[in-house]
């Protein structure tokens, strides 16, 4: 059993209890999380039901049947624990430049309201809780995506890995964001059926609607939490913005994604071998990300003023080079 410290939530375990139904006195079984909220003055217990409602105490007529050890917990990173837990991507390569830059980037963004929440899954007595997923989101005014979404919470990334997929963890991570967005216009995310960005399936399942699209594969999904809230949309990319990069290869990269540094090095090496001039444009702030050359806002490769892609660009780049030669 674990306690949350200094306001951090801790899901302690499953609780199963019997409770007469409020309408017809039938006996039913409820399941939920036992959660403890801690501050220096008091402890608050919450019993979360399967419908994601919670009570500060069990009903008077409930009978506790069993309590089981938690199978997962979600940790909200902050300045007090980020060095202990680290960020998610590239955790196995913490000495790389990309990981170190992401860690420092995250610490700065925490000041702007960024949430990076880790999914820790219980893998048994020997292995304990291991990071197996995460979600990252931030208020729209500080978002690193090329969108206009006043009053929304913007999801940058959400990822559950390997055999942990299919257990509802993605929905639980998404619910964390929806909970934190209460009182705002809603939640919005840039999706793609290609790579790196989240796919739309999780969001459609949870009541998001498609509100905009942009070639080649970007789609914007939003869930409004306020009646009459304006729908988000992608920011336009003026033609003259692309013309500035009409010659050679241009790499746009930020420290929001730790993999960007490795991909930038790969593209630079390809350009060198092909004898093509190459430059790197560093995306230093959210305003540059919001008003860049594509909606992703974090990594992009251009050849002679044309956007080639935002992740696996090696084959596309080599094909494009061969056609030019």
Protein backbone atom coordinates (compact mmCIF):
# COMPACT_ATOMS: atom_id res chain seq x y z
CA UNK A 1 0.00 0.00 0.00
CA UNK A 2 1.50 3.36 -0.99
CA UNK A 3 0.65 6.92 0.00
CA UNK A 4 0.71 9.98 -2.22
CA UNK A 5 3.02 12.69 -0.90
CA UNK A 6 2.46 16.43 -0.99
CA UNK A 7 -0.77 16.29 -2.96
CA UNK A 8 0.24 13.52 -5.35
CA UNK A 9 -2.45 10.91 -5.91
CA UNK A 10 -1.74 7.26 -5.24
CA UNK A 11 -4.02 4.45 -6.35
CA UNK A 12 -3.67 1.95 -3.56
CA UNK A 13 -5.64 -1.05 -4.76
CA UNK A 14 -8.87 -2.61 -5.89
CA UNK A 15 -11.74 -2.79 -3.46
CA UNK A 16 -14.84 -4.93 -3.99
CA UNK A 17 -17.93 -4.29 -1.93
CA UNK A 18 -21.58 -5.33 -1.84
CA UNK A 19 -24.20 -2.63 -1.71
CA UNK A 20 -28.02 -2.77 -2.07
CA UNK A 21 -29.12 -1.10 -5.29
CA UNK A 22 -30.58 2.33 -4.61
CA UNK A 23 -33.65 1.70 -6.77
CA UNK A 24 -34.85 -1.87 -6.30
CA UNK A 25 -32.91 -3.20 -3.28
CA UNK A 26 -31.17 -5.83 -5.38
CA UNK A 27 -27.70 -6.77 -4.17
CA UNK A 28 -24.99 -5.71 -6.60
CA UNK A 29 -21.20 -5.77 -6.65
CA UNK A 30 -19.26 -2.56 -7.09
CA UNK A 31 -15.58 -2.37 -8.01
CA UNK A 32 -13.25 0.55 -7.76
CA UNK A 33 -9.99 2.12 -6.69
CA UNK A 34 -9.08 2.96 -3.14
CA UNK A 35 -7.26 6.27 -3.36
CA UNK A 36 -5.52 8.27 -0.68
CA UNK A 37 -4.91 12.00 -0.98
CA UNK A 38 -2.37 13.32 1.48
CA UNK A 39 -1.33 16.74 2.69
CA UNK A 40 0.40 17.78 5.92
CA UNK A 41 -2.93 18.23 7.73
CA UNK A 42 -5.19 15.31 6.86
CA UNK A 43 -5.76 12.16 4.85
CA UNK A 44 -8.74 11.76 2.53
CA UNK A 45 -9.89 8.35 1.37
CA UNK A 46 -11.81 8.07 -1.86
CA UNK A 47 -13.52 4.94 -3.13
CA UNK A 48 -13.79 5.17 -6.92
CA UNK A 49 -16.56 3.11 -8.52
CA UNK A 50 -16.41 1.44 -11.91
CA UNK A 51 -18.36 4.40 -13.30
CA UNK A 52 -15.50 6.71 -12.25
CA UNK A 53 -17.57 8.31 -9.50
CA UNK A 54 -16.09 8.56 -6.06
CA UNK A 55 -17.21 8.70 -2.44
CA UNK A 56 -15.24 10.00 0.55
CA UNK A 57 -16.58 7.00 2.47
CA UNK A 58 -18.32 3.74 1.68
CA UNK A 59 -22.12 3.61 1.94
CA UNK A 60 -23.28 2.67 5.43
CA UNK A 61 -24.78 -0.57 4.16
CA UNK A 62 -21.80 -1.69 2.08
CA UNK A 63 -19.95 -4.88 2.99
CA UNK A 64 -16.27 -5.01 1.95
CA UNK A 65 -15.48 -8.37 0.37
CA UNK A 66 -11.83 -8.09 -0.55
CA UNK A 67 -9.04 -5.67 -1.29
CA UNK A 68 -6.37 -6.50 -3.84
CA UNK A 69 -3.02 -4.94 -4.60
CA UNK A 70 -3.05 -2.30 -7.31
CA UNK A 71 -2.11 -3.46 -10.82
CA UNK A 72 -1.11 -0.01 -11.95
CA UNK A 73 -0.70 3.58 -10.82
CA UNK A 74 -0.38 6.89 -12.62
CA UNK A 75 2.24 9.37 -11.46
CA UNK A 76 2.03 13.07 -12.31
CA UNK A 77 5.58 14.33 -12.74
CA UNK A 78 6.59 17.51 -10.95
CA UNK A 79 9.77 19.26 -9.90
CA UNK A 80 9.99 17.10 -6.77
CA UNK A 81 9.84 13.71 -8.50
CA UNK A 82 10.90 14.15 -12.13
CA UNK A 83 14.55 13.26 -11.50
CA UNK A 84 13.43 10.12 -9.65
CA UNK A 85 11.05 8.88 -12.36
CA UNK A 86 12.47 10.56 -15.46
CA UNK A 87 10.50 11.06 -18.66
CA UNK A 88 9.21 8.06 -20.62
CA UNK A 89 10.77 7.94 -24.08
CA UNK A 90 14.42 6.84 -24.29
CA UNK A 91 14.49 5.87 -20.60
CA UNK A 92 16.91 3.09 -21.47
CA UNK A 93 19.29 5.67 -22.99
CA UNK A 94 19.36 8.39 -20.38
CA UNK A 95 22.86 9.51 -21.34
CA UNK A 96 21.86 10.46 -24.87
CA UNK A 97 21.59 14.09 -25.88
CA UNK A 98 17.96 13.64 -26.89
CA UNK A 99 16.88 12.30 -23.49
CA UNK A 100 18.74 14.98 -21.55
CA UNK A 101 17.25 17.74 -23.71
CA UNK A 102 13.75 16.31 -23.25
CA UNK A 103 14.21 16.20 -19.47
CA UNK A 104 15.24 19.85 -19.31
CA UNK A 105 12.49 20.84 -21.76
CA UNK A 106 9.91 19.14 -19.54
CA UNK A 107 11.13 20.90 -16.41
CA UNK A 108 10.70 24.26 -18.13
CA UNK A 109 7.24 23.39 -19.45
CA UNK A 110 6.03 22.39 -15.97
CA UNK A 111 6.07 26.11 -15.22
CA UNK A 112 3.55 26.58 -18.07
CA UNK A 113 1.09 23.96 -16.85
CA UNK A 114 2.45 20.89 -18.66
CA UNK A 115 1.38 17.50 -17.32
CA UNK A 116 3.48 14.44 -18.08
CA UNK A 117 1.89 11.43 -16.38
CA UNK A 118 3.55 8.04 -16.30
CA UNK A 119 1.65 4.76 -16.35
CA UNK A 120 3.39 2.37 -13.94
CA UNK A 121 2.30 -1.27 -14.24
CA UNK A 122 2.83 -3.81 -11.47
CA UNK A 123 4.99 -6.61 -12.89
CA UNK A 124 5.27 -8.68 -9.74
CA UNK A 125 7.27 -8.81 -6.55
CA UNK A 126 10.67 -8.95 -8.25
CA UNK A 127 10.18 -6.27 -10.90
CA UNK A 128 7.70 -4.04 -9.10
CA UNK A 129 6.08 -1.12 -10.90
CA UNK A 130 7.56 -0.31 -14.32
CA UNK A 131 6.84 2.60 -16.66
CA UNK A 132 4.78 1.21 -19.54
CA UNK A 133 3.07 4.29 -20.93
CA UNK A 134 2.49 8.01 -20.56
CA UNK A 135 0.42 10.99 -21.56
CA UNK A 136 1.65 14.55 -22.06
CA UNK A 137 -0.66 17.59 -22.31
CA UNK A 138 -0.59 21.34 -21.78
CA UNK A 139 -2.96 24.35 -21.97
CA UNK A 140 -3.39 25.48 -25.58
CA UNK A 141 -1.66 28.83 -25.23
CA UNK A 142 1.59 26.94 -24.52
CA UNK A 143 1.04 23.98 -26.88
CA UNK A 144 3.75 22.76 -29.24
CA UNK A 145 1.37 21.96 -32.10
CA UNK A 146 0.28 24.05 -35.07
CA UNK A 147 -3.29 24.57 -33.91
CA UNK A 148 -5.63 27.27 -32.65
CA UNK A 149 -7.61 25.95 -29.70
CA UNK A 150 -8.42 28.75 -27.28
CA UNK A 151 -9.34 27.48 -23.83
CA UNK A 152 -8.55 23.83 -24.60
CA UNK A 153 -6.12 21.34 -23.12
CA UNK A 154 -3.83 20.02 -25.88
CA UNK A 155 -2.53 16.46 -25.85
CA UNK A 156 0.98 16.23 -27.26
CA UNK A 157 1.49 12.48 -26.88
CA UNK A 158 -0.13 9.37 -25.44
CA UNK A 159 1.47 5.93 -25.61
CA UNK A 160 1.02 2.51 -24.04
CA UNK A 161 3.62 -0.07 -25.05
CA UNK A 162 3.76 -3.77 -25.80
CA UNK A 163 1.61 -6.32 -24.01
CA UNK A 164 0.10 -3.56 -21.86
CA UNK A 165 -2.13 -2.56 -24.76
CA UNK A 166 -5.71 -3.77 -24.65
CA UNK A 167 -6.17 -3.39 -20.90
CA UNK A 168 -7.85 0.01 -20.94
CA UNK A 169 -4.75 1.91 -19.85
CA UNK A 170 -5.03 4.35 -22.76
CA UNK A 171 -8.52 5.32 -21.65
CA UNK A 172 -7.33 5.72 -18.05
CA UNK A 173 -4.52 8.03 -19.16
CA UNK A 174 -6.94 10.00 -21.34
CA UNK A 175 -9.32 10.34 -18.39
CA UNK A 176 -6.53 12.00 -16.40
CA UNK A 177 -6.40 14.71 -19.04
CA UNK A 178 -10.18 15.08 -19.18
CA UNK A 179 -10.30 15.44 -15.40
CA UNK A 180 -7.62 18.14 -15.43
CA UNK A 181 -9.46 19.97 -18.23
CA UNK A 182 -12.65 20.44 -16.21
CA UNK A 183 -13.68 24.08 -16.40
CA UNK A 184 -11.95 24.52 -19.79
CA UNK A 185 -13.49 24.45 -23.26
CA UNK A 186 -12.33 20.89 -23.85
CA UNK A 187 -9.47 18.62 -24.94
CA UNK A 188 -7.92 18.44 -28.41
CA UNK A 189 -5.29 16.23 -30.06
CA UNK A 190 -3.52 16.07 -33.42
CA UNK A 191 -3.70 12.53 -34.83
CA UNK A 192 -2.30 10.69 -37.83
CA UNK A 193 -2.65 7.22 -39.31
CA UNK A 194 1.06 7.29 -40.10
CA UNK A 195 3.70 7.23 -37.38
CA UNK A 196 4.66 8.99 -34.16
CA UNK A 197 1.43 10.92 -33.56
CA UNK A 198 -1.48 9.14 -31.82
CA UNK A 199 -4.03 7.34 -33.96
CA UNK A 200 -7.65 8.48 -33.77
CA UNK A 201 -9.22 5.23 -32.50
CA UNK A 202 -8.83 5.89 -28.76
CA UNK A 203 -10.31 9.36 -29.08
CA UNK A 204 -13.28 8.33 -31.22
CA UNK A 205 -14.08 5.63 -28.65
CA UNK A 206 -14.08 8.27 -25.92
CA UNK A 207 -16.42 10.73 -27.61
CA UNK A 208 -14.02 12.99 -29.53
CA UNK A 209 -15.14 14.45 -32.86
CA UNK A 210 -13.10 15.24 -35.95
CA UNK A 211 -12.96 19.02 -36.31
CA UNK A 212 -10.27 19.63 -38.94
CA UNK A 213 -7.80 17.91 -41.26
CA UNK A 214 -4.66 18.83 -43.14
CA UNK A 215 -2.65 16.98 -45.79
CA UNK A 216 -0.97 14.63 -45.97
CA UNK A 217 -2.36 12.74 -42.95
CA UNK A 218 -3.13 15.09 -40.05
CA UNK A 219 -6.53 15.07 -38.35
CA UNK A 220 -7.67 17.15 -35.39
CA UNK A 221 -9.98 15.57 -32.82
CA UNK A 222 -11.65 17.45 -29.98
CA UNK A 223 -14.00 16.79 -27.10
CA UNK A 224 -15.89 19.86 -25.96
CA UNK A 225 -16.51 20.18 -22.24
CA UNK A 226 -18.33 23.50 -22.46
CA UNK A 227 -21.55 24.18 -24.35
CA UNK A 228 -20.93 26.48 -27.27
CA UNK A 229 -17.13 26.22 -27.08
CA UNK A 230 -15.45 27.16 -30.39
CA UNK A 231 -14.03 24.26 -32.36
CA UNK A 232 -10.22 24.09 -32.66
CA UNK A 233 -8.56 24.20 -36.07
CA UNK A 234 -5.15 23.86 -37.67
CA UNK A 235 -3.19 27.06 -38.16
CA UNK A 236 -2.62 28.00 -41.82
CA UNK A 237 0.86 27.73 -43.33
CA UNK A 238 1.44 30.70 -45.69
CA UNK A 239 3.20 29.85 -48.94
CA UNK A 240 5.89 32.46 -48.34
CA UNK A 241 6.85 30.65 -45.13
CA UNK A 242 7.76 27.54 -47.14
CA UNK A 243 9.59 29.53 -49.82
CA UNK A 244 12.19 30.57 -47.28
CA UNK A 245 13.47 26.99 -47.40
CA UNK A 246 13.39 26.48 -51.17
CA UNK A 247 16.97 25.19 -51.52
CA UNK A 248 18.48 22.07 -50.04
CA UNK A 249 17.39 20.14 -46.95
CA UNK A 250 16.00 21.87 -43.90
CA UNK A 251 15.44 20.03 -40.62
CA UNK A 252 13.12 21.52 -38.03
CA UNK A 253 13.53 20.08 -34.56
CA UNK A 254 12.60 20.86 -30.98
CA UNK A 255 13.39 19.22 -27.67
CA UNK A 256 9.75 18.22 -27.11
CA UNK A 257 10.54 14.78 -28.57
CA UNK A 258 13.76 13.05 -27.47
CA UNK A 259 13.94 11.07 -30.73
CA UNK A 260 14.23 14.23 -32.84
CA UNK A 261 17.96 14.59 -32.24
CA UNK A 262 18.71 11.11 -33.57
CA UNK A 263 16.57 11.60 -36.66
CA UNK A 264 18.18 14.97 -37.33
CA UNK A 265 21.62 13.32 -37.24
CA UNK A 266 20.42 10.63 -39.67
CA UNK A 267 19.08 13.15 -42.17
CA UNK A 268 22.22 15.27 -41.88
CA UNK A 269 24.36 12.23 -42.76
CA UNK A 270 22.16 11.42 -45.78
CA UNK A 271 22.46 15.01 -47.01
CA UNK A 272 26.23 14.93 -46.57
CA UNK A 273 26.57 11.72 -48.58
CA UNK A 274 24.36 13.15 -51.34
CA UNK A 275 26.25 16.44 -51.43
CA UNK A 276 23.12 18.46 -50.65
CA UNK A 277 23.29 21.53 -48.42
CA UNK A 278 21.56 20.92 -45.10
CA UNK A 279 20.66 23.14 -42.18
CA UNK A 280 18.89 22.65 -38.88
CA UNK A 281 16.26 25.10 -37.65
CA UNK A 282 15.80 24.78 -33.89
CA UNK A 283 12.25 25.31 -32.64
CA UNK A 284 12.91 27.17 -29.41
CA UNK A 285 9.46 28.15 -28.12
CA UNK A 286 5.77 27.30 -28.36
CA UNK A 287 5.06 30.26 -30.64
CA UNK A 288 7.50 28.92 -33.22
CA UNK A 289 5.94 25.45 -32.92
CA UNK A 290 2.42 26.83 -33.38
CA UNK A 291 3.43 28.80 -36.46
CA UNK A 292 5.81 26.40 -38.18
CA UNK A 293 5.73 24.59 -41.49
CA UNK A 294 3.45 21.72 -40.46
CA UNK A 295 0.93 20.88 -37.69
CA UNK A 296 3.24 18.51 -35.80
CA UNK A 297 5.37 21.45 -34.73
CA UNK A 298 8.18 19.35 -33.26
CA UNK A 299 10.12 17.67 -36.07
CA UNK A 300 9.94 18.06 -39.83
CA UNK A 301 12.20 17.57 -42.87
CA UNK A 302 11.91 19.68 -46.02
CA UNK A 303 13.63 19.25 -49.38
CA UNK A 304 13.67 22.27 -51.70
CA UNK A 305 10.70 23.84 -49.97
CA UNK A 306 8.55 20.69 -49.85
CA UNK A 307 7.66 18.92 -46.59
CA UNK A 308 8.77 15.29 -46.80
CA UNK A 309 7.68 13.99 -43.42
CA UNK A 310 8.01 14.15 -39.68
CA UNK A 311 9.55 10.84 -38.70
CA UNK A 312 10.63 7.92 -40.91
CA UNK A 313 11.88 10.11 -43.74
CA UNK A 314 14.94 8.11 -44.77
CA UNK A 315 13.34 6.23 -47.69
CA UNK A 316 11.24 9.23 -48.76
CA UNK A 317 14.31 11.46 -48.65
CA UNK A 318 16.50 9.06 -50.61
CA UNK A 319 13.78 8.58 -53.25
CA UNK A 320 13.32 12.32 -53.59
CA UNK A 321 17.07 12.88 -53.93
CA UNK A 322 17.36 10.22 -56.64
CA UNK A 323 14.56 11.83 -58.63
CA UNK A 324 16.29 15.21 -58.49
CA UNK A 325 19.59 13.81 -59.70
